[in-house]
Amino acid sequence: MSKSSEVNKLTLAEQADRHVLYQESVQAPEAEVDFFEKTFKALRNRDAVSIREDFCGTAYLATEWCKGHPERTAIGVDYDEETLEWGRKHNLAPAGEDVAKRVTLYKDDVRNVSDEKVDITCAFNFSYCIFETRDELRDYFTKTQKGLKDDGILILDLFGGTECEDVLEEETELEDHPATYIWEHVSFNPIDGHMACAIHFEFDDGSRMDNAFKYEWRHWSIPEIKELLLESGYKNVRVYWEEYIDADDDDDELEGTGNYYETSEVENQESWMIYLVAEK
C-alpha cells in the first residue's frame, strides 16, 4: 500500500498538527506586535527593540517580533522542549537565518531566567495564571522586573466576563482549515478560583481532536492582578480594554474590534479579554 493511500485512510484529526491549529485559532502575533509598538512608544517616547516572551510555546510571537525590524531581538522561555523544538523547525527556520539568530530560546522555568534585560516582557494566553496563590504570582511578577531595562514594561493578557466562570463551550470555524475550534470551560471552583479549561478541534469529516490542549489555573480578577503587580514593585499598572461594536448579524451581540484603549471604568460584558501594562 502506498503512503498516499495510507494518508487518505487517516481522518482529518489524525492528519492535523495541533500546534498549527493552535497558532491559527488562538494566536494573533501581528496584532500583539502592533500593540507593543504603539504602547511602548506612547509610554516611553522611544521604540522598543527587545522583548521576552514567557511561556512562549512555539515562539510564534517572538519570531513575528523579530521579522518586523532587523535590529529587534527576542527571548523565549518555556519548559516544554517538544514545543520549543516544533517552533524552531516551523517558525524560526522558515523565517530565515537573519531572524532565527536574533531569537534565543530557553527551556526553563520562567522564574529562573533574568540575566538579559529587555524593553518588554509578556506573558500571554493567560499562561501566568498557573501560579494559583498570591505568593507564587507575586514572586513571578517580582522576578520579571529583574529582566527588564530601567524603563521596561510587563504586558499581560487576562480574560473575564459574566460567563467566564460558567461551564460552557464556544465554537469558532477556522478559515484556513476544515475544522472548528472549541474552547471549553470544563470546571470552576468558586471557593478557590481554580479553573480547568480545554481546547478541542472538530473536523469536517466528523473526526475530533479532543483535549489538544488542557489547562489548570486560577481565574484571577483584574483588581487582584493590579494589586499583586504593585505589591511586587511595579510603579504603575494600566488597563487596556478592547473596543466593542454591535455585531453585523445581531444587534443584541457585541464583537471585538481588535482596538484597545486605556480606561479605569467599564461596564461588564459576557466575555472580555484585556491587556494589563505594568511600568517598572
C-alpha atoms as a PDB file:
ATOM      1  CA  MET A   1       0.000   0.000   0.000  1.00  0.00           C
ATOM      2  CA  SER A   2       1.358   3.422  -0.943  1.00  0.00           C
ATOM      3  CA  LYS A   3       1.955   6.153   1.622  1.00  0.00           C
ATOM      4  CA  SER A   4      -0.629   8.332  -0.119  1.00  0.00           C
ATOM      5  CA  SER A   5      -3.230   5.586   0.300  1.00  0.00           C
ATOM      6  CA  GLU A   6      -2.362   5.277   3.966  1.00  0.00           C
ATOM      7  CA  VAL A   7      -2.734   9.037   4.435  1.00  0.00           C
ATOM      8  CA  ASN A   8      -6.073   9.007   2.657  1.00  0.00           C
ATOM      9  CA  LYS A   9      -7.325   6.459   5.175  1.00  0.00           C
ATOM     10  CA  LEU A  10      -6.441   8.710   8.089  1.00  0.00           C
ATOM     11  CA  THR A  11      -9.086  11.040   9.456  1.00  0.00           C
ATOM     12  CA  LEU A  12      -8.516  14.793   9.292  1.00  0.00           C
ATOM     13  CA  ALA A  13      -7.956  14.773  13.042  1.00  0.00           C
ATOM     14  CA  GLU A  14      -5.227  12.148  12.693  1.00  0.00           C
ATOM     15  CA  GLN A  15      -3.516  14.153   9.949  1.00  0.00           C
ATOM     16  CA  ALA A  16      -3.706  17.504  11.753  1.00  0.00           C
ATOM     17  CA  ASP A  17      -0.904  19.208  13.681  1.00  0.00           C
ATOM     18  CA  ARG A  18      -2.190  20.618  16.962  1.00  0.00           C
ATOM     19  CA  HIS A  19       0.407  23.396  17.015  1.00  0.00           C
ATOM     20  CA  VAL A  20      -0.616  24.633  13.564  1.00  0.00           C
ATOM     21  CA  LEU A  21      -4.253  24.652  14.659  1.00  0.00           C
ATOM     22  CA  TYR A  22      -3.419  26.446  17.903  1.00  0.00           C
ATOM     23  CA  GLN A  23      -1.487  29.194  16.158  1.00  0.00           C
ATOM     24  CA  GLU A  24      -4.365  29.812  13.758  1.00  0.00           C
ATOM     25  CA  SER A  25      -7.168  29.664  16.293  1.00  0.00           C
ATOM     26  CA  VAL A  26      -5.656  31.288  19.387  1.00  0.00           C
ATOM     27  CA  GLN A  27      -2.722  33.500  18.496  1.00  0.00           C
ATOM     28  CA  ALA A  28      -2.617  36.851  16.710  1.00  0.00           C
ATOM     29  CA  PRO A  29       1.056  37.903  16.765  1.00  0.00           C
ATOM     30  CA  GLU A  30       0.675  40.701  14.212  1.00  0.00           C
ATOM     31  CA  ALA A  31      -1.910  42.419  16.417  1.00  0.00           C
ATOM     32  CA  GLU A  32       0.185  41.862  19.538  1.00  0.00           C
ATOM     33  CA  VAL A  33       3.310  43.302  17.898  1.00  0.00           C
ATOM     34  CA  ASP A  34       1.257  46.327  16.854  1.00  0.00           C
ATOM     35  CA  PHE A  35       0.092  46.786  20.464  1.00  0.00           C
ATOM     36  CA  PHE A  36       3.691  46.502  21.699  1.00  0.00           C
ATOM     37  CA  GLU A  37       4.916  49.115  19.249  1.00  0.00           C
ATOM     38  CA  LYS A  38       2.200  51.681  19.907  1.00  0.00           C
ATOM     39  CA  THR A  39       2.007  51.241  23.678  1.00  0.00           C
ATOM     40  CA  PHE A  40       5.749  51.329  24.363  1.00  0.00           C
ATOM     41  CA  LYS A  41       6.212  54.349  22.089  1.00  0.00           C
ATOM     42  CA  ALA A  42       3.378  56.203  23.825  1.00  0.00           C
ATOM     43  CA  LEU A  43       4.685  55.459  27.322  1.00  0.00           C
ATOM     44  CA  ARG A  44       8.444  55.742  26.768  1.00  0.00           C
ATOM     45  CA  ASN A  45       8.768  58.028  23.738  1.00  0.00           C
ATOM     46  CA  ARG A  46      11.129  55.610  22.026  1.00  0.00           C
ATOM     47  CA  ASP A  47      10.912  52.417  20.007  1.00  0.00           C
ATOM     48  CA  ALA A  48      11.138  49.056  21.738  1.00  0.00           C
ATOM     49  CA  VAL A  49      13.767  46.767  20.233  1.00  0.00           C
ATOM     50  CA  SER A  50      13.820  43.761  22.561  1.00  0.00           C
ATOM     51  CA  ILE A  51      11.152  41.517  24.030  1.00  0.00           C
ATOM     52  CA  ARG A  52      10.947  38.448  26.185  1.00  0.00           C
ATOM     53  CA  GLU A  53       8.067  36.025  25.652  1.00  0.00           C
ATOM     54  CA  ASP A  54       7.427  33.999  28.805  1.00  0.00           C
ATOM     55  CA  PHE A  55       5.606  30.684  28.341  1.00  0.00           C
ATOM     56  CA  CYS A  56       6.496  31.175  24.676  1.00  0.00           C
ATOM     57  CA  GLY A  57       5.435  27.746  23.393  1.00  0.00           C
ATOM     58  CA  THR A  58       6.294  27.672  19.686  1.00  0.00           C
ATOM     59  CA  ALA A  59       7.839  31.176  19.838  1.00  0.00           C
ATOM     60  CA  TYR A  60       5.362  32.397  17.235  1.00  0.00           C
ATOM     61  CA  LEU A  61       5.178  35.880  18.744  1.00  0.00           C
ATOM     62  CA  ALA A  62       8.939  36.154  19.298  1.00  0.00           C
ATOM     63  CA  THR A  63       9.506  35.231  15.657  1.00  0.00           C
ATOM     64  CA  GLU A  64       6.992  37.741  14.341  1.00  0.00           C
ATOM     65  CA  TRP A  65       8.526  40.472  16.521  1.00  0.00           C
ATOM     66  CA  CYS A  66      11.973  39.957  15.025  1.00  0.00           C
ATOM     67  CA  LYS A  67      10.606  39.782  11.483  1.00  0.00           C
ATOM     68  CA  GLY A  68       9.344  43.350  11.915  1.00  0.00           C
ATOM     69  CA  HIS A  69      12.766  45.055  12.071  1.00  0.00           C
ATOM     70  CA  PRO A  70      16.384  43.906  11.588  1.00  0.00           C
ATOM     71  CA  GLU A  71      17.519  45.391  14.907  1.00  0.00           C
ATOM     72  CA  ARG A  72      14.934  43.584  17.016  1.00  0.00           C
ATOM     73  CA  THR A  73      15.781  40.703  19.348  1.00  0.00           C
ATOM     74  CA  ALA A  74      13.639  38.290  21.338  1.00  0.00           C
ATOM     75  CA  ILE A  75      13.999  35.805  24.168  1.00  0.00           C
ATOM     76  CA  GLY A  76      11.549  32.957  24.570  1.00  0.00           C
ATOM     77  CA  VAL A  77      11.208  30.860  27.724  1.00  0.00           C
ATOM     78  CA  ASP A  78       9.176  27.666  28.063  1.00  0.00           C
ATOM     79  CA  TYR A  79       9.517  24.399  29.990  1.00  0.00           C
ATOM     80  CA  ASP A  80       8.367  22.108  27.152  1.00  0.00           C
ATOM     81  CA  GLU A  81      11.222  21.056  24.863  1.00  0.00           C
ATOM     82  CA  GLU A  82       8.974  19.375  22.290  1.00  0.00           C
ATOM     83  CA  THR A  83       7.024  22.586  21.779  1.00  0.00           C
ATOM     84  CA  LEU A  84      10.196  24.682  21.580  1.00  0.00           C
ATOM     85  CA  GLU A  85      11.679  22.306  19.013  1.00  0.00           C
ATOM     86  CA  TRP A  86       8.491  22.496  16.937  1.00  0.00           C
ATOM     87  CA  GLY A  87       8.854  26.284  16.980  1.00  0.00           C
ATOM     88  CA  ARG A  88      12.474  26.111  15.861  1.00  0.00           C
ATOM     89  CA  LYS A  89      11.505  23.927  12.919  1.00  0.00           C
ATOM     90  CA  HIS A  90       8.227  25.505  11.849  1.00  0.00           C
ATOM     91  CA  ASN A  91       8.577  29.166  12.867  1.00  0.00           C
ATOM     92  CA  LEU A  92      12.232  30.132  13.208  1.00  0.00           C
ATOM     93  CA  ALA A  93      13.700  28.127  10.321  1.00  0.00           C
ATOM     94  CA  PRO A  94      11.173  29.358   7.720  1.00  0.00           C
ATOM     95  CA  ALA A  95      11.744  32.949   8.905  1.00  0.00           C
ATOM     96  CA  GLY A  96      15.360  32.735   7.748  1.00  0.00           C
ATOM     97  CA  GLU A  97      18.760  32.810   9.424  1.00  0.00           C
ATOM     98  CA  ASP A  98      18.745  36.578   9.989  1.00  0.00           C
ATOM     99  CA  VAL A  99      15.566  36.304  12.087  1.00  0.00           C
ATOM    100  CA  ALA A 100      16.410  32.990  13.747  1.00  0.00           C
ATOM    101  CA  LYS A 101      19.770  34.216  15.052  1.00  0.00           C
ATOM    102  CA  ARG A 102      18.042  37.077  16.864  1.00  0.00           C
ATOM    103  CA  VAL A 103      15.663  34.776  18.779  1.00  0.00           C
ATOM    104  CA  THR A 104      17.096  32.982  21.814  1.00  0.00           C
ATOM    105  CA  LEU A 105      15.037  30.153  23.314  1.00  0.00           C
ATOM    106  CA  TYR A 106      15.451  28.732  26.819  1.00  0.00           C
ATOM    107  CA  LYS A 107      13.941  25.531  28.175  1.00  0.00           C
ATOM    108  CA  ASP A 108      13.446  26.545  31.780  1.00  0.00           C
ATOM    109  CA  ASP A 109      11.067  27.793  34.440  1.00  0.00           C
ATOM    110  CA  VAL A 110      10.247  31.419  33.600  1.00  0.00           C
ATOM    111  CA  ARG A 111      11.212  32.375  37.144  1.00  0.00           C
ATOM    112  CA  ASN A 112      14.802  31.224  36.601  1.00  0.00           C
ATOM    113  CA  VAL A 113      15.741  33.346  33.572  1.00  0.00           C
ATOM    114  CA  SER A 114      16.503  37.033  34.135  1.00  0.00           C
ATOM    115  CA  ASP A 115      20.087  37.780  33.097  1.00  0.00           C
ATOM    116  CA  GLU A 116      19.350  39.557  29.792  1.00  0.00           C
ATOM    117  CA  LYS A 117      17.377  42.780  30.143  1.00  0.00           C
ATOM    118  CA  VAL A 118      14.696  43.684  27.586  1.00  0.00           C
ATOM    119  CA  ASP A 119      12.274  46.505  26.846  1.00  0.00           C
ATOM    120  CA  ILE A 120       9.134  44.381  27.065  1.00  0.00           C
ATOM    121  CA  THR A 121       8.323  41.123  28.807  1.00  0.00           C
ATOM    122  CA  CYS A 122       4.994  39.497  28.019  1.00  0.00           C
ATOM    123  CA  ALA A 123       3.046  36.508  29.336  1.00  0.00           C
ATOM    124  CA  PHE A 124       0.090  35.795  27.079  1.00  0.00           C
ATOM    125  CA  ASN A 125      -2.771  33.365  26.679  1.00  0.00           C
ATOM    126  CA  PHE A 126      -3.304  33.593  30.449  1.00  0.00           C
ATOM    127  CA  SER A 127      -0.276  31.339  30.982  1.00  0.00           C
ATOM    128  CA  TYR A 128       0.879  33.047  34.179  1.00  0.00           C
ATOM    129  CA  CYS A 129      -2.423  32.041  35.819  1.00  0.00           C
ATOM    130  CA  ILE A 130      -0.804  28.663  36.559  1.00  0.00           C
ATOM    131  CA  PHE A 131       0.533  30.453  39.633  1.00  0.00           C
ATOM    132  CA  GLU A 132      -2.538  29.946  41.801  1.00  0.00           C
ATOM    133  CA  THR A 133      -1.537  31.608  45.077  1.00  0.00           C
ATOM    134  CA  ARG A 134      -0.833  35.254  45.774  1.00  0.00           C
ATOM    135  CA  ASP A 135       2.693  34.451  46.962  1.00  0.00           C
ATOM    136  CA  GLU A 136       3.536  32.473  43.806  1.00  0.00           C
ATOM    137  CA  LEU A 137       2.190  35.091  41.434  1.00  0.00           C
ATOM    138  CA  ARG A 138       3.755  37.993  43.338  1.00  0.00           C
ATOM    139  CA  ASP A 139       7.087  36.159  43.232  1.00  0.00           C
ATOM    140  CA  TYR A 140       6.807  35.727  39.464  1.00  0.00           C
ATOM    141  CA  PHE A 141       5.984  39.410  38.985  1.00  0.00           C
ATOM    142  CA  THR A 142       8.938  40.400  41.187  1.00  0.00           C
ATOM    143  CA  LYS A 143      11.299  38.293  39.106  1.00  0.00           C
ATOM    144  CA  THR A 144      10.035  39.711  35.810  1.00  0.00           C
ATOM    145  CA  GLN A 145      11.397  43.094  36.855  1.00  0.00           C
ATOM    146  CA  LYS A 146      14.950  41.719  37.036  1.00  0.00           C
ATOM    147  CA  GLY A 147      14.805  41.005  33.311  1.00  0.00           C
ATOM    148  CA  LEU A 148      13.548  44.457  32.325  1.00  0.00           C
ATOM    149  CA  LYS A 149      15.505  47.581  31.470  1.00  0.00           C
ATOM    150  CA  ASP A 150      15.016  50.590  33.749  1.00  0.00           C
ATOM    151  CA  ASP A 151      12.113  51.858  31.624  1.00  0.00           C
ATOM    152  CA  GLY A 152      10.831  48.414  30.677  1.00  0.00           C
ATOM    153  CA  ILE A 153       7.229  47.235  30.846  1.00  0.00           C
ATOM    154  CA  LEU A 154       5.441  43.964  31.505  1.00  0.00           C
ATOM    155  CA  ILE A 155       2.392  43.156  29.361  1.00  0.00           C
ATOM    156  CA  LEU A 156      -0.174  40.537  30.372  1.00  0.00           C
ATOM    157  CA  ASP A 157      -3.490  39.463  28.952  1.00  0.00           C
ATOM    158  CA  LEU A 158      -6.472  38.390  31.036  1.00  0.00           C
ATOM    159  CA  PHE A 159      -9.968  37.125  30.300  1.00  0.00           C
ATOM    160  CA  GLY A 160     -13.203  37.523  32.213  1.00  0.00           C
ATOM    161  CA  GLY A 161     -16.858  38.452  31.970  1.00  0.00           C
ATOM    162  CA  THR A 162     -20.163  37.298  33.409  1.00  0.00           C
ATOM    163  CA  GLU A 163     -19.952  33.926  31.611  1.00  0.00           C
ATOM    164  CA  CYS A 164     -16.287  33.140  32.198  1.00  0.00           C
ATOM    165  CA  GLU A 165     -16.904  31.063  35.314  1.00  0.00           C
ATOM    166  CA  ASP A 166     -19.683  29.005  33.733  1.00  0.00           C
ATOM    167  CA  VAL A 167     -19.149  25.506  32.373  1.00  0.00           C
ATOM    168  CA  LEU A 168     -19.523  26.074  28.636  1.00  0.00           C
ATOM    169  CA  GLU A 169     -18.176  25.538  25.121  1.00  0.00           C
ATOM    170  CA  GLU A 170     -17.546  28.179  22.462  1.00  0.00           C
ATOM    171  CA  GLU A 171     -17.082  27.201  18.818  1.00  0.00           C
ATOM    172  CA  THR A 172     -15.268  29.103  16.057  1.00  0.00           C
ATOM    173  CA  GLU A 173     -14.828  27.912  12.487  1.00  0.00           C
ATOM    174  CA  LEU A 174     -11.263  28.163  11.212  1.00  0.00           C
ATOM    175  CA  GLU A 175     -10.664  29.979   7.940  1.00  0.00           C
ATOM    176  CA  ASP A 176      -7.697  28.005   6.608  1.00  0.00           C
ATOM    177  CA  HIS A 177      -8.509  24.512   7.872  1.00  0.00           C
ATOM    178  CA  PRO A 178     -11.589  22.266   7.565  1.00  0.00           C
ATOM    179  CA  ALA A 179     -12.075  22.414  11.317  1.00  0.00           C
ATOM    180  CA  THR A 180     -13.864  24.108  14.186  1.00  0.00           C
ATOM    181  CA  TYR A 181     -12.005  25.394  17.246  1.00  0.00           C
ATOM    182  CA  ILE A 182     -13.749  24.562  20.530  1.00  0.00           C
ATOM    183  CA  TRP A 183     -12.846  26.380  23.753  1.00  0.00           C
ATOM    184  CA  GLU A 184     -14.276  24.612  26.809  1.00  0.00           C
ATOM    185  CA  HIS A 185     -14.626  25.713  30.417  1.00  0.00           C
ATOM    186  CA  VAL A 186     -14.517  22.250  31.979  1.00  0.00           C
ATOM    187  CA  SER A 187     -14.967  23.215  35.623  1.00  0.00           C
ATOM    188  CA  PHE A 188     -14.763  26.119  38.053  1.00  0.00           C
ATOM    189  CA  ASN A 189     -14.466  26.123  41.838  1.00  0.00           C
ATOM    190  CA  PRO A 190     -15.762  29.441  43.262  1.00  0.00           C
ATOM    191  CA  ILE A 191     -14.143  28.766  46.627  1.00  0.00           C
ATOM    192  CA  ASP A 192     -10.539  28.940  45.441  1.00  0.00           C
ATOM    193  CA  GLY A 193     -10.961  30.203  41.873  1.00  0.00           C
ATOM    194  CA  HIS A 194      -9.449  27.063  40.358  1.00  0.00           C
ATOM    195  CA  MET A 195     -10.494  26.545  36.753  1.00  0.00           C
ATOM    196  CA  ALA A 196      -9.990  23.748  34.224  1.00  0.00           C
ATOM    197  CA  CYS A 197     -10.148  24.552  30.510  1.00  0.00           C
ATOM    198  CA  ALA A 198      -9.518  22.640  27.306  1.00  0.00           C
ATOM    199  CA  ILE A 199      -9.149  23.149  23.567  1.00  0.00           C
ATOM    200  CA  HIS A 200     -10.651  20.676  21.109  1.00  0.00           C
ATOM    201  CA  PHE A 201     -10.897  20.618  17.331  1.00  0.00           C
ATOM    202  CA  GLU A 202     -13.766  19.123  15.343  1.00  0.00           C
ATOM    203  CA  PHE A 203     -13.175  18.407  11.652  1.00  0.00           C
ATOM    204  CA  ASP A 204     -15.423  18.458   8.607  1.00  0.00           C
ATOM    205  CA  ASP A 205     -15.180  14.675   8.202  1.00  0.00           C
ATOM    206  CA  GLY A 206     -16.671  14.199  11.692  1.00  0.00           C
ATOM    207  CA  SER A 207     -13.400  13.340  13.417  1.00  0.00           C
ATOM    208  CA  ARG A 208     -12.236  15.151  16.548  1.00  0.00           C
ATOM    209  CA  MET A 209      -9.029  16.047  18.320  1.00  0.00           C
ATOM    210  CA  ASP A 210     -10.144  16.106  21.941  1.00  0.00           C
ATOM    211  CA  ASN A 211      -8.049  17.774  24.616  1.00  0.00           C
ATOM    212  CA  ALA A 212      -5.479  19.047  22.149  1.00  0.00           C
ATOM    213  CA  PHE A 213      -4.500  21.371  24.981  1.00  0.00           C
ATOM    214  CA  LYS A 214      -5.574  21.263  28.626  1.00  0.00           C
ATOM    215  CA  TYR A 215      -5.155  23.921  31.302  1.00  0.00           C
ATOM    216  CA  GLU A 216      -5.407  24.052  35.077  1.00  0.00           C
ATOM    217  CA  TRP A 217      -5.150  27.531  36.545  1.00  0.00           C
ATOM    218  CA  ARG A 218      -6.746  30.146  38.770  1.00  0.00           C
ATOM    219  CA  HIS A 219      -9.191  32.655  37.404  1.00  0.00           C
ATOM    220  CA  TRP A 220      -7.707  35.882  38.693  1.00  0.00           C
ATOM    221  CA  SER A 221      -9.606  39.180  38.671  1.00  0.00           C
ATOM    222  CA  ILE A 222      -8.290  42.490  37.345  1.00  0.00           C
ATOM    223  CA  PRO A 223      -8.023  44.099  40.828  1.00  0.00           C
ATOM    224  CA  GLU A 224      -6.090  41.103  42.157  1.00  0.00           C
ATOM    225  CA  ILE A 225      -3.565  41.243  39.316  1.00  0.00           C
ATOM    226  CA  LYS A 226      -3.151  45.006  39.667  1.00  0.00           C
ATOM    227  CA  GLU A 227      -2.620  44.739  43.417  1.00  0.00           C
ATOM    228  CA  LEU A 228      -0.023  41.978  43.086  1.00  0.00           C
ATOM    229  CA  LEU A 229       1.869  43.875  40.388  1.00  0.00           C
ATOM    230  CA  LEU A 230       2.071  46.947  42.627  1.00  0.00           C
ATOM    231  CA  GLU A 231       2.994  44.861  45.659  1.00  0.00           C
ATOM    232  CA  SER A 232       5.821  43.284  43.643  1.00  0.00           C
ATOM    233  CA  GLY A 233       7.338  46.695  42.972  1.00  0.00           C
ATOM    234  CA  TYR A 234       5.885  47.947  39.703  1.00  0.00           C
ATOM    235  CA  LYS A 235       5.224  51.688  39.865  1.00  0.00           C
ATOM    236  CA  ASN A 236       2.051  51.849  37.791  1.00  0.00           C
ATOM    237  CA  VAL A 237      -0.426  49.457  36.160  1.00  0.00           C
ATOM    238  CA  ARG A 238      -2.641  50.404  33.216  1.00  0.00           C
ATOM    239  CA  VAL A 239      -5.663  48.516  31.876  1.00  0.00           C
ATOM    240  CA  TYR A 240      -6.386  48.448  28.150  1.00  0.00           C
ATOM    241  CA  TRP A 241      -9.931  47.402  27.220  1.00  0.00           C
ATOM    242  CA  GLU A 242     -10.976  46.163  23.809  1.00  0.00           C
ATOM    243  CA  GLU A 243     -13.407  48.334  21.870  1.00  0.00           C
ATOM    244  CA  TYR A 244     -16.641  46.503  21.049  1.00  0.00           C
ATOM    245  CA  ILE A 245     -19.303  47.289  18.463  1.00  0.00           C
ATOM    246  CA  ASP A 246     -22.687  45.822  17.526  1.00  0.00           C
ATOM    247  CA  ALA A 247     -22.368  42.634  15.511  1.00  0.00           C
ATOM    248  CA  ASP A 248     -23.440  42.929  11.873  1.00  0.00           C
ATOM    249  CA  ASP A 249     -25.845  39.987  12.044  1.00  0.00           C
ATOM    250  CA  ASP A 250     -27.273  40.543  15.548  1.00  0.00           C
ATOM    251  CA  ASP A 251     -27.923  43.898  17.220  1.00  0.00           C
ATOM    252  CA  ASP A 252     -28.017  42.178  20.630  1.00  0.00           C
ATOM    253  CA  GLU A 253     -24.487  40.830  20.223  1.00  0.00           C
ATOM    254  CA  LEU A 254     -21.194  42.713  20.512  1.00  0.00           C
ATOM    255  CA  GLU A 255     -17.995  41.875  18.660  1.00  0.00           C
ATOM    256  CA  GLY A 256     -14.451  42.981  19.388  1.00  0.00           C
ATOM    257  CA  THR A 257     -12.676  45.350  17.013  1.00  0.00           C
ATOM    258  CA  GLY A 258      -9.134  44.423  17.998  1.00  0.00           C
ATOM    259  CA  ASN A 259      -8.529  48.015  19.122  1.00  0.00           C
ATOM    260  CA  TYR A 260      -7.637  48.623  22.771  1.00  0.00           C
ATOM    261  CA  TYR A 261      -7.900  51.823  24.802  1.00  0.00           C
ATOM    262  CA  GLU A 262      -6.751  52.699  28.306  1.00  0.00           C
ATOM    263  CA  THR A 263      -9.550  53.031  30.839  1.00  0.00           C
ATOM    264  CA  SER A 264     -10.318  52.774  34.553  1.00  0.00           C
ATOM    265  CA  GLU A 265     -14.068  52.099  34.411  1.00  0.00           C
ATOM    266  CA  VAL A 266     -16.217  49.971  32.085  1.00  0.00           C
ATOM    267  CA  GLU A 267     -19.499  48.113  32.004  1.00  0.00           C
ATOM    268  CA  ASN A 268     -19.069  44.373  32.421  1.00  0.00           C
ATOM    269  CA  GLN A 269     -19.736  42.081  29.466  1.00  0.00           C
ATOM    270  CA  GLU A 270     -20.454  38.369  28.991  1.00  0.00           C
ATOM    271  CA  SER A 271     -16.878  37.882  27.812  1.00  0.00           C
ATOM    272  CA  TRP A 272     -13.834  40.124  27.517  1.00  0.00           C
ATOM    273  CA  MET A 273     -10.064  39.975  27.034  1.00  0.00           C
ATOM    274  CA  ILE A 274      -7.826  42.812  28.183  1.00  0.00           C
ATOM    275  CA  TYR A 275      -4.183  43.848  28.389  1.00  0.00           C
ATOM    276  CA  LEU A 276      -2.526  44.927  31.628  1.00  0.00           C
ATOM    277  CA  VAL A 277       0.643  47.008  31.280  1.00  0.00           C
ATOM    278  CA  ALA A 278       2.905  47.315  34.326  1.00  0.00           C
ATOM    279  CA  GLU A 279       5.590  50.012  34.331  1.00  0.00           C
ATOM    280  CA  LYS A 280       8.871  49.342  36.120  1.00  0.00           C
END
